[in-house]
Amino acid sequence: MEGAMQMAEIREGTTPRAAAFIVTLYGDAVEPRGGQLWMGTLVESCATQGLSESLVRTAVSRLTQAGQLEGDRIGRRSYYRLTGRAQAEFHRAARVIYAPPPPPQGWLVALEAPAALPGDWMALSGSVAIAPNRSDVAPVSGPVLSAEALGNAAEMQAVVARCRDLAPVAEAYRNFLAAWAAPDPSEDDLPGAEALARRLRLVHLYRLAALSDPRLPPEALPDDWPAAAARALFVRCYCALSPAADRLIGDSFRDCQGLLPAETLHTQRRMDRLRRELALSPRAG
């Protein structure tokens, strides 16, 4: 069967960084199902991406030392979960990946911005800085106004281009589109192991682009900005891969209590949101 990102391409293509992929796996498959995973399951899942057991164990050790994973040993088996700090990071990332808010309308303008600005803020001149008017933008000290851009789009794009390089973000989105723009995978003729491997790689590649996106108001973006096309393609492929992928999780993923559930209230809500988004989305590709 033809389809986006065949298993051979996953194995033979660029191998993801082990630590980053493990974070993707926990966020997509484990955290919504209780959060704990047996090391043996983790090793097996990472092997489908070309990651060896030694690489996985080294990455888990480093993630533990960095305070992102914490482990429990029961008998001869080890089980790991995200720490509280890593869970907070996961929830912020999950909102962008699985339930993104609409694009911001307008800007925040800081009149006495500090020299060290949080990531969403862009220095204009002197002590003036701007940021997209989103609820998740980090606050800054001093007076802050809300504003709309009154000039034409080209002028606003030129202002943003002086403050922020959007080219790497656009490239990440276009790389994602190039990797996944083949015909839809069908849940009926795709083995569960392949569906899960492909969904994890799908999330991993999309995550790299979406989490680097400053999510600016539309008038500040180039006319050929690829985020919307990438989003539509991500949702379509995720929905197509999920039935078989989730069945495989329920059949093979283990924590210290036994098999993880194929579905939970959290995963059902996630899929409901994505299916609603799919129904409203123009076909990407």
C-alpha atoms as a PDB file:
ATOM      1  CA  MET A   1       0.000   0.000   0.000  1.00  0.00           C
ATOM      2  CA  GLU A   2       1.180   3.526  -0.749  1.00  0.00           C
ATOM      3  CA  GLY A   3       1.031   5.987   2.102  1.00  0.00           C
ATOM      4  CA  ALA A   4       2.823   8.764   3.841  1.00  0.00           C
ATOM      5  CA  MET A   5       6.070   7.839   5.546  1.00  0.00           C
ATOM      6  CA  GLN A   6       6.350   4.093   4.861  1.00  0.00           C
ATOM      7  CA  MET A   7       8.000   1.931   7.549  1.00  0.00           C
ATOM      8  CA  ALA A   8      11.079   1.421   5.384  1.00  0.00           C
ATOM      9  CA  GLU A   9      11.418   5.195   5.057  1.00  0.00           C
ATOM     10  CA  ILE A  10      11.124   5.587   8.824  1.00  0.00           C
ATOM     11  CA  ARG A  11      13.851   3.010   9.452  1.00  0.00           C
ATOM     12  CA  GLU A  12      16.150   4.163   6.655  1.00  0.00           C
ATOM     13  CA  GLY A  13      15.585   7.899   6.982  1.00  0.00           C
ATOM     14  CA  THR A  14      16.950  10.301   9.548  1.00  0.00           C
ATOM     15  CA  THR A  15      16.804   8.684  12.980  1.00  0.00           C
ATOM     16  CA  PRO A  16      15.257  11.000  15.573  1.00  0.00           C
ATOM     17  CA  ARG A  17      17.204  12.028  18.646  1.00  0.00           C
ATOM     18  CA  ALA A  18      16.435   9.397  21.262  1.00  0.00           C
ATOM     19  CA  ALA A  19      15.646  11.769  24.141  1.00  0.00           C
ATOM     20  CA  ALA A  20      13.374  13.989  22.050  1.00  0.00           C
ATOM     21  CA  PHE A  21      11.547  10.991  20.589  1.00  0.00           C
ATOM     22  CA  ILE A  22      10.996   9.471  24.034  1.00  0.00           C
ATOM     23  CA  VAL A  23       9.350  12.724  25.125  1.00  0.00           C
ATOM     24  CA  THR A  24       7.126  12.526  22.025  1.00  0.00           C
ATOM     25  CA  LEU A  25       6.162   8.924  22.821  1.00  0.00           C
ATOM     26  CA  TYR A  26       5.250   9.726  26.409  1.00  0.00           C
ATOM     27  CA  GLY A  27       3.221  12.760  25.384  1.00  0.00           C
ATOM     28  CA  ASP A  28       1.285  11.009  22.629  1.00  0.00           C
ATOM     29  CA  ALA A  29       0.777   7.483  23.931  1.00  0.00           C
ATOM     30  CA  VAL A  30       1.637   7.172  27.626  1.00  0.00           C
ATOM     31  CA  GLU A  31       0.671  10.326  29.526  1.00  0.00           C
ATOM     32  CA  PRO A  32      -3.015  10.115  28.450  1.00  0.00           C
ATOM     33  CA  ARG A  33      -3.107   6.514  29.780  1.00  0.00           C
ATOM     34  CA  GLY A  34      -1.803   6.974  33.303  1.00  0.00           C
ATOM     35  CA  GLY A  35       1.723   8.118  32.533  1.00  0.00           C
ATOM     36  CA  GLN A  36       3.841   5.075  33.429  1.00  0.00           C
ATOM     37  CA  LEU A  37       5.586   2.738  30.945  1.00  0.00           C
ATOM     38  CA  TRP A  38       7.702  -0.382  31.267  1.00  0.00           C
ATOM     39  CA  MET A  39      11.224   0.012  29.915  1.00  0.00           C
ATOM     40  CA  GLY A  40      10.761  -3.057  27.714  1.00  0.00           C
ATOM     41  CA  THR A  41       7.809  -1.440  25.934  1.00  0.00           C
ATOM     42  CA  LEU A  42       9.788   1.763  25.503  1.00  0.00           C
ATOM     43  CA  VAL A  43      12.709  -0.116  23.946  1.00  0.00           C
ATOM     44  CA  GLU A  44      10.401  -1.976  21.539  1.00  0.00           C
ATOM     45  CA  SER A  45       8.627   1.205  20.440  1.00  0.00           C
ATOM     46  CA  CYS A  46      11.861   3.107  19.872  1.00  0.00           C
ATOM     47  CA  ALA A  47      13.277   0.214  17.840  1.00  0.00           C
ATOM     48  CA  THR A  48      10.666   0.898  15.139  1.00  0.00           C
ATOM     49  CA  GLN A  49      12.327   4.305  14.673  1.00  0.00           C
ATOM     50  CA  GLY A  50      15.834   2.866  14.299  1.00  0.00           C
ATOM     51  CA  LEU A  51      16.853   3.559  17.908  1.00  0.00           C
ATOM     52  CA  SER A  52      18.902   0.824  19.570  1.00  0.00           C
ATOM     53  CA  GLU A  53      18.326  -0.409  23.108  1.00  0.00           C
ATOM     54  CA  SER A  54      21.615   1.115  24.268  1.00  0.00           C
ATOM     55  CA  LEU A  55      20.630   4.522  22.849  1.00  0.00           C
ATOM     56  CA  VAL A  56      17.242   4.330  24.553  1.00  0.00           C
ATOM     57  CA  ARG A  57      18.685   3.343  27.928  1.00  0.00           C
ATOM     58  CA  THR A  58      21.285   6.102  27.727  1.00  0.00           C
ATOM     59  CA  ALA A  59      18.600   8.649  26.815  1.00  0.00           C
ATOM     60  CA  VAL A  60      16.360   7.507  29.687  1.00  0.00           C
ATOM     61  CA  SER A  61      19.279   7.868  32.093  1.00  0.00           C
ATOM     62  CA  ARG A  62      19.966  11.394  30.876  1.00  0.00           C
ATOM     63  CA  LEU A  63      16.290  12.371  30.995  1.00  0.00           C
ATOM     64  CA  THR A  64      16.152  11.079  34.569  1.00  0.00           C
ATOM     65  CA  GLN A  65      19.246  13.051  35.545  1.00  0.00           C
ATOM     66  CA  ALA A  66      17.728  16.139  33.907  1.00  0.00           C
ATOM     67  CA  GLY A  67      14.581  15.823  36.011  1.00  0.00           C
ATOM     68  CA  GLN A  68      12.250  14.926  33.141  1.00  0.00           C
ATOM     69  CA  LEU A  69      11.679  11.238  33.928  1.00  0.00           C
ATOM     70  CA  GLU A  70      11.434   9.384  37.225  1.00  0.00           C
ATOM     71  CA  GLY A  71      11.639   5.629  37.607  1.00  0.00           C
ATOM     72  CA  ASP A  72      10.363   2.798  39.786  1.00  0.00           C
ATOM     73  CA  ARG A  73      11.953  -0.623  39.967  1.00  0.00           C
ATOM     74  CA  ILE A  74       9.678  -3.563  40.745  1.00  0.00           C
ATOM     75  CA  GLY A  75      11.517  -6.860  40.802  1.00  0.00           C
ATOM     76  CA  ARG A  76      13.704  -6.958  37.712  1.00  0.00           C
ATOM     77  CA  ARG A  77      11.603  -4.481  35.733  1.00  0.00           C
ATOM     78  CA  SER A  78      11.937  -0.711  35.539  1.00  0.00           C
ATOM     79  CA  TYR A  79       9.048   1.668  34.886  1.00  0.00           C
ATOM     80  CA  TYR A  80       9.282   5.354  34.059  1.00  0.00           C
ATOM     81  CA  ARG A  81       6.938   8.341  34.028  1.00  0.00           C
ATOM     82  CA  LEU A  82       7.242  12.059  33.399  1.00  0.00           C
ATOM     83  CA  THR A  83       8.104  14.185  36.428  1.00  0.00           C
ATOM     84  CA  GLY A  84       5.742  16.923  37.548  1.00  0.00           C
ATOM     85  CA  ARG A  85       7.863  19.535  35.782  1.00  0.00           C
ATOM     86  CA  ALA A  86       7.878  17.541  32.559  1.00  0.00           C
ATOM     87  CA  GLN A  87       4.118  17.001  32.824  1.00  0.00           C
ATOM     88  CA  ALA A  88       3.602  20.776  32.937  1.00  0.00           C
ATOM     89  CA  GLU A  89       5.723  21.107  29.787  1.00  0.00           C
ATOM     90  CA  PHE A  90       3.727  18.289  28.178  1.00  0.00           C
ATOM     91  CA  HIS A  91       0.405  20.009  28.874  1.00  0.00           C
ATOM     92  CA  ARG A  92       1.651  23.246  27.293  1.00  0.00           C
ATOM     93  CA  ALA A  93       2.893  21.362  24.227  1.00  0.00           C
ATOM     94  CA  ALA A  94      -0.266  19.235  24.009  1.00  0.00           C
ATOM     95  CA  ARG A  95      -2.437  22.331  23.696  1.00  0.00           C
ATOM     96  CA  VAL A  96      -0.442  23.435  20.656  1.00  0.00           C
ATOM     97  CA  ILE A  97      -0.330  19.978  19.045  1.00  0.00           C
ATOM     98  CA  TYR A  98      -3.765  18.527  19.786  1.00  0.00           C
ATOM     99  CA  ALA A  99      -6.019  21.503  20.601  1.00  0.00           C
ATOM    100  CA  PRO A 100      -4.510  24.722  19.259  1.00  0.00           C
ATOM    101  CA  PRO A 101      -6.347  27.972  19.931  1.00  0.00           C
ATOM    102  CA  PRO A 102      -7.335  30.194  16.998  1.00  0.00           C
ATOM    103  CA  PRO A 103      -4.681  32.573  15.637  1.00  0.00           C
ATOM    104  CA  PRO A 104      -4.191  35.672  17.790  1.00  0.00           C
ATOM    105  CA  GLN A 105      -5.905  38.848  16.703  1.00  0.00           C
ATOM    106  CA  GLY A 106      -3.760  41.859  17.434  1.00  0.00           C
ATOM    107  CA  TRP A 107      -0.702  42.565  19.529  1.00  0.00           C
ATOM    108  CA  LEU A 108       0.548  43.302  23.002  1.00  0.00           C
ATOM    109  CA  VAL A 109       2.795  46.373  23.186  1.00  0.00           C
ATOM    110  CA  ALA A 110       5.140  46.777  26.165  1.00  0.00           C
ATOM    111  CA  LEU A 111       6.169  50.404  26.608  1.00  0.00           C
ATOM    112  CA  GLU A 112       8.925  49.793  29.177  1.00  0.00           C
ATOM    113  CA  ALA A 113      10.045  46.283  28.319  1.00  0.00           C
ATOM    114  CA  PRO A 114      12.980  44.760  30.208  1.00  0.00           C
ATOM    115  CA  ALA A 115      16.243  44.083  28.400  1.00  0.00           C
ATOM    116  CA  ALA A 116      15.805  40.316  28.824  1.00  0.00           C
ATOM    117  CA  LEU A 117      12.572  39.472  27.007  1.00  0.00           C
ATOM    118  CA  PRO A 118      10.634  36.181  27.209  1.00  0.00           C
ATOM    119  CA  GLY A 119      10.608  34.171  23.996  1.00  0.00           C
ATOM    120  CA  ASP A 120       7.317  35.456  22.575  1.00  0.00           C
ATOM    121  CA  TRP A 121       8.357  39.099  22.792  1.00  0.00           C
ATOM    122  CA  MET A 122      10.206  41.028  20.066  1.00  0.00           C
ATOM    123  CA  ALA A 123      12.127  44.244  20.723  1.00  0.00           C
ATOM    124  CA  LEU A 124      11.208  47.069  18.343  1.00  0.00           C
ATOM    125  CA  SER A 125      13.266  50.039  19.503  1.00  0.00           C
ATOM    126  CA  GLY A 126      14.413  51.395  22.814  1.00  0.00           C
ATOM    127  CA  SER A 127      12.217  49.916  25.520  1.00  0.00           C
ATOM    128  CA  VAL A 128       9.270  49.092  23.229  1.00  0.00           C
ATOM    129  CA  ALA A 129       8.511  45.438  22.493  1.00  0.00           C
ATOM    130  CA  ILE A 130       5.601  43.574  20.915  1.00  0.00           C
ATOM    131  CA  ALA A 131       4.152  40.079  21.220  1.00  0.00           C
ATOM    132  CA  PRO A 132       1.131  38.307  19.732  1.00  0.00           C
ATOM    133  CA  ASN A 133      -1.957  38.883  21.862  1.00  0.00           C
ATOM    134  CA  ARG A 134      -2.325  35.326  23.183  1.00  0.00           C
ATOM    135  CA  SER A 135      -3.303  34.141  26.641  1.00  0.00           C
ATOM    136  CA  ASP A 136      -0.143  32.018  26.966  1.00  0.00           C
ATOM    137  CA  VAL A 137       2.337  34.836  26.282  1.00  0.00           C
ATOM    138  CA  ALA A 138       4.646  35.369  29.253  1.00  0.00           C
ATOM    139  CA  PRO A 139       3.977  38.694  31.001  1.00  0.00           C
ATOM    140  CA  VAL A 140       6.565  41.467  31.220  1.00  0.00           C
ATOM    141  CA  SER A 141       6.935  44.283  33.709  1.00  0.00           C
ATOM    142  CA  GLY A 142       5.759  47.804  33.015  1.00  0.00           C
ATOM    143  CA  PRO A 143       2.745  49.132  31.109  1.00  0.00           C
ATOM    144  CA  VAL A 144       1.371  46.876  28.358  1.00  0.00           C
ATOM    145  CA  LEU A 145      -1.233  47.888  25.775  1.00  0.00           C
ATOM    146  CA  SER A 146      -3.282  45.844  23.320  1.00  0.00           C
ATOM    147  CA  ALA A 147      -3.235  47.054  19.721  1.00  0.00           C
ATOM    148  CA  GLU A 148      -4.160  46.230  16.143  1.00  0.00           C
ATOM    149  CA  ALA A 149      -1.944  46.728  13.104  1.00  0.00           C
ATOM    150  CA  LEU A 150      -3.446  49.449  10.900  1.00  0.00           C
ATOM    151  CA  GLY A 151      -0.901  49.432   8.059  1.00  0.00           C
ATOM    152  CA  ASN A 152      -0.905  46.995   5.168  1.00  0.00           C
ATOM    153  CA  ALA A 153       0.268  43.430   5.666  1.00  0.00           C
ATOM    154  CA  ALA A 154       3.572  43.959   3.855  1.00  0.00           C
ATOM    155  CA  GLU A 155       4.573  46.655   6.341  1.00  0.00           C
ATOM    156  CA  MET A 156       3.809  44.426   9.327  1.00  0.00           C
ATOM    157  CA  GLN A 157       5.651  41.514   7.751  1.00  0.00           C
ATOM    158  CA  ALA A 158       8.694  43.741   7.259  1.00  0.00           C
ATOM    159  CA  VAL A 159       8.615  44.791  10.916  1.00  0.00           C
ATOM    160  CA  VAL A 160       8.439  41.173  12.085  1.00  0.00           C
ATOM    161  CA  ALA A 161      11.184  40.109   9.667  1.00  0.00           C
ATOM    162  CA  ARG A 162      13.565  42.565  11.331  1.00  0.00           C
ATOM    163  CA  CYS A 163      12.831  41.030  14.732  1.00  0.00           C
ATOM    164  CA  ARG A 164      12.450  37.322  14.074  1.00  0.00           C
ATOM    165  CA  ASP A 165      13.730  34.826  11.535  1.00  0.00           C
ATOM    166  CA  LEU A 166      10.724  32.795  10.425  1.00  0.00           C
ATOM    167  CA  ALA A 167      12.624  30.843   7.756  1.00  0.00           C
ATOM    168  CA  PRO A 168      13.585  27.875  10.015  1.00  0.00           C
ATOM    169  CA  VAL A 169       9.968  27.491  11.140  1.00  0.00           C
ATOM    170  CA  ALA A 170       8.681  27.582   7.562  1.00  0.00           C
ATOM    171  CA  GLU A 171      11.329  25.030   6.568  1.00  0.00           C
ATOM    172  CA  ALA A 172      10.262  22.695   9.384  1.00  0.00           C
ATOM    173  CA  TYR A 173       6.638  22.891   8.249  1.00  0.00           C
ATOM    174  CA  ARG A 174       7.610  22.283   4.611  1.00  0.00           C
ATOM    175  CA  ASN A 175       9.771  19.305   5.580  1.00  0.00           C
ATOM    176  CA  PHE A 176       6.766  17.895   7.397  1.00  0.00           C
ATOM    177  CA  LEU A 177       4.527  18.459   4.369  1.00  0.00           C
ATOM    178  CA  ALA A 178       7.052  16.805   2.059  1.00  0.00           C
ATOM    179  CA  ALA A 179       7.318  13.747   4.313  1.00  0.00           C
ATOM    180  CA  TRP A 180       3.568  13.239   4.732  1.00  0.00           C
ATOM    181  CA  ALA A 181       1.938  14.496   1.548  1.00  0.00           C
ATOM    182  CA  ALA A 182       1.353  10.997   0.121  1.00  0.00           C
ATOM    183  CA  PRO A 183      -2.111   9.311   0.068  1.00  0.00           C
ATOM    184  CA  ASP A 184      -3.848   8.745   3.383  1.00  0.00           C
ATOM    185  CA  PRO A 185      -2.979   5.627   5.368  1.00  0.00           C
ATOM    186  CA  SER A 186      -6.023   3.391   5.770  1.00  0.00           C
ATOM    187  CA  GLU A 187      -6.807   1.856   9.129  1.00  0.00           C
ATOM    188  CA  ASP A 188      -8.230  -1.219   7.403  1.00  0.00           C
ATOM    189  CA  ASP A 189      -5.024  -2.482   5.784  1.00  0.00           C
ATOM    190  CA  LEU A 190      -2.340  -1.133   8.122  1.00  0.00           C
ATOM    191  CA  PRO A 191      -0.916  -3.362  10.895  1.00  0.00           C
ATOM    192  CA  GLY A 192      -1.114  -1.857  14.352  1.00  0.00           C
ATOM    193  CA  ALA A 193       2.645  -1.769  14.886  1.00  0.00           C
ATOM    194  CA  GLU A 194       3.134   0.156  11.652  1.00  0.00           C
ATOM    195  CA  ALA A 195       0.249   2.514  12.391  1.00  0.00           C
ATOM    196  CA  LEU A 196       1.704   3.366  15.795  1.00  0.00           C
ATOM    197  CA  ALA A 197       5.251   3.775  14.474  1.00  0.00           C
ATOM    198  CA  ARG A 198       4.015   6.125  11.789  1.00  0.00           C
ATOM    199  CA  ARG A 199       1.794   8.091  14.158  1.00  0.00           C
ATOM    200  CA  LEU A 200       4.661   8.602  16.589  1.00  0.00           C
ATOM    201  CA  ARG A 201       6.902   9.850  13.790  1.00  0.00           C
ATOM    202  CA  LEU A 202       4.044  12.040  12.531  1.00  0.00           C
ATOM    203  CA  VAL A 203       3.670  13.673  15.943  1.00  0.00           C
ATOM    204  CA  HIS A 204       7.428  13.992  16.381  1.00  0.00           C
ATOM    205  CA  LEU A 205       7.972  15.815  13.087  1.00  0.00           C
ATOM    206  CA  TYR A 206       4.924  18.037  13.497  1.00  0.00           C
ATOM    207  CA  ARG A 207       5.903  18.829  17.075  1.00  0.00           C
ATOM    208  CA  LEU A 208       9.317  20.108  15.951  1.00  0.00           C
ATOM    209  CA  ALA A 209       7.616  22.643  13.688  1.00  0.00           C
ATOM    210  CA  ALA A 210       4.574  23.595  15.758  1.00  0.00           C
ATOM    211  CA  LEU A 211       6.454  24.207  19.006  1.00  0.00           C
ATOM    212  CA  SER A 212       8.931  26.492  17.239  1.00  0.00           C
ATOM    213  CA  ASP A 213       6.128  28.514  15.618  1.00  0.00           C
ATOM    214  CA  PRO A 214       5.712  31.940  17.295  1.00  0.00           C
ATOM    215  CA  ARG A 215       2.015  31.838  16.275  1.00  0.00           C
ATOM    216  CA  LEU A 216       1.835  35.433  15.126  1.00  0.00           C
ATOM    217  CA  PRO A 217      -1.276  37.266  13.921  1.00  0.00           C
ATOM    218  CA  PRO A 218      -2.054  36.403  10.273  1.00  0.00           C
ATOM    219  CA  GLU A 219      -1.140  39.851   8.915  1.00  0.00           C
ATOM    220  CA  ALA A 220       2.448  39.396  10.145  1.00  0.00           C
ATOM    221  CA  LEU A 221       3.033  36.172   8.217  1.00  0.00           C
ATOM    222  CA  PRO A 222       4.169  35.674   4.608  1.00  0.00           C
ATOM    223  CA  ASP A 223       1.436  34.899   2.094  1.00  0.00           C
ATOM    224  CA  ASP A 224       2.831  31.383   1.577  1.00  0.00           C
ATOM    225  CA  TRP A 225       3.100  30.568   5.287  1.00  0.00           C
ATOM    226  CA  PRO A 226       2.741  26.741   5.437  1.00  0.00           C
ATOM    227  CA  ALA A 227       1.372  26.294   8.965  1.00  0.00           C
ATOM    228  CA  ALA A 228      -2.290  25.852   7.983  1.00  0.00           C
ATOM    229  CA  ALA A 229      -1.509  23.238   5.322  1.00  0.00           C
ATOM    230  CA  ALA A 230       0.744  21.360   7.743  1.00  0.00           C
ATOM    231  CA  ARG A 231      -1.922  21.470  10.434  1.00  0.00           C
ATOM    232  CA  ALA A 232      -4.620  20.110   8.142  1.00  0.00           C
ATOM    233  CA  LEU A 233      -2.336  17.297   6.993  1.00  0.00           C
ATOM    234  CA  PHE A 234      -1.333  16.438  10.560  1.00  0.00           C
ATOM    235  CA  VAL A 235      -4.957  16.178  11.687  1.00  0.00           C
ATOM    236  CA  ARG A 236      -5.950  14.067   8.681  1.00  0.00           C
ATOM    237  CA  CYS A 237      -3.081  11.586   9.095  1.00  0.00           C
ATOM    238  CA  TYR A 238      -3.434  11.419  12.884  1.00  0.00           C
ATOM    239  CA  CYS A 239      -7.123  10.579  12.640  1.00  0.00           C
ATOM    240  CA  ALA A 240      -6.487   7.921   9.992  1.00  0.00           C
ATOM    241  CA  LEU A 241      -3.673   6.221  11.918  1.00  0.00           C
ATOM    242  CA  SER A 242      -5.209   6.325  15.393  1.00  0.00           C
ATOM    243  CA  PRO A 243      -7.714   3.420  15.378  1.00  0.00           C
ATOM    244  CA  ALA A 244      -5.050   0.809  14.579  1.00  0.00           C
ATOM    245  CA  ALA A 245      -2.381   2.586  16.651  1.00  0.00           C
ATOM    246  CA  ASP A 246      -4.569   2.762  19.752  1.00  0.00           C
ATOM    247  CA  ARG A 247      -5.536  -0.910  19.462  1.00  0.00           C
ATOM    248  CA  LEU A 248      -1.836  -1.804  19.362  1.00  0.00           C
ATOM    249  CA  ILE A 249      -1.191   0.270  22.492  1.00  0.00           C
ATOM    250  CA  GLY A 250      -3.955  -1.600  24.309  1.00  0.00           C
ATOM    251  CA  ASP A 251      -2.524  -4.947  23.185  1.00  0.00           C
ATOM    252  CA  SER A 252       1.156  -4.364  24.008  1.00  0.00           C
ATOM    253  CA  PHE A 253       1.987  -1.290  26.150  1.00  0.00           C
ATOM    254  CA  ARG A 254       2.546  -2.157  29.818  1.00  0.00           C
ATOM    255  CA  ASP A 255       2.900  -0.363  33.124  1.00  0.00           C
ATOM    256  CA  CYS A 256       3.358  -1.938  36.554  1.00  0.00           C
ATOM    257  CA  GLN A 257      -0.359  -2.877  36.659  1.00  0.00           C
ATOM    258  CA  GLY A 258      -0.439  -4.638  33.276  1.00  0.00           C
ATOM    259  CA  LEU A 259      -1.594  -3.537  29.836  1.00  0.00           C
ATOM    260  CA  LEU A 260      -2.448   0.105  29.253  1.00  0.00           C
ATOM    261  CA  PRO A 261      -5.995   0.817  28.025  1.00  0.00           C
ATOM    262  CA  ALA A 262      -6.487   1.291  24.308  1.00  0.00           C
ATOM    263  CA  GLU A 263      -8.656   4.310  25.087  1.00  0.00           C
ATOM    264  CA  THR A 264      -9.225   6.601  28.040  1.00  0.00           C
ATOM    265  CA  LEU A 265     -11.468   9.599  28.581  1.00  0.00           C
ATOM    266  CA  HIS A 266      -8.442  11.768  27.783  1.00  0.00           C
ATOM    267  CA  THR A 267      -7.720  10.043  24.457  1.00  0.00           C
ATOM    268  CA  GLN A 268     -11.415  10.072  23.531  1.00  0.00           C
ATOM    269  CA  ARG A 269     -11.608  13.823  24.127  1.00  0.00           C
ATOM    270  CA  ARG A 270      -8.431  14.340  22.114  1.00  0.00           C
ATOM    271  CA  MET A 271      -9.819  12.364  19.189  1.00  0.00           C
ATOM    272  CA  ASP A 272     -13.199  14.109  19.395  1.00  0.00           C
ATOM    273  CA  ARG A 273     -11.467  17.494  19.100  1.00  0.00           C
ATOM    274  CA  LEU A 274      -9.317  16.354  16.200  1.00  0.00           C
ATOM    275  CA  ARG A 275     -12.260  14.808  14.333  1.00  0.00           C
ATOM    276  CA  ARG A 276     -14.231  18.033  14.720  1.00  0.00           C
ATOM    277  CA  GLU A 277     -11.241  19.935  13.408  1.00  0.00           C
ATOM    278  CA  LEU A 278     -10.926  17.477  10.514  1.00  0.00           C
ATOM    279  CA  ALA A 279     -14.578  17.958   9.580  1.00  0.00           C
ATOM    280  CA  LEU A 280     -14.034  21.717   9.304  1.00  0.00           C
ATOM    281  CA  SER A 281     -10.636  21.586   7.638  1.00  0.00           C
ATOM    282  CA  PRO A 282      -9.922  21.878   3.901  1.00  0.00           C
ATOM    283  CA  ARG A 283      -7.978  18.930   2.568  1.00  0.00           C
ATOM    284  CA  ALA A 284      -4.222  19.536   2.742  1.00  0.00           C
ATOM    285  CA  GLY A 285      -1.669  18.252   0.291  1.00  0.00           C
END
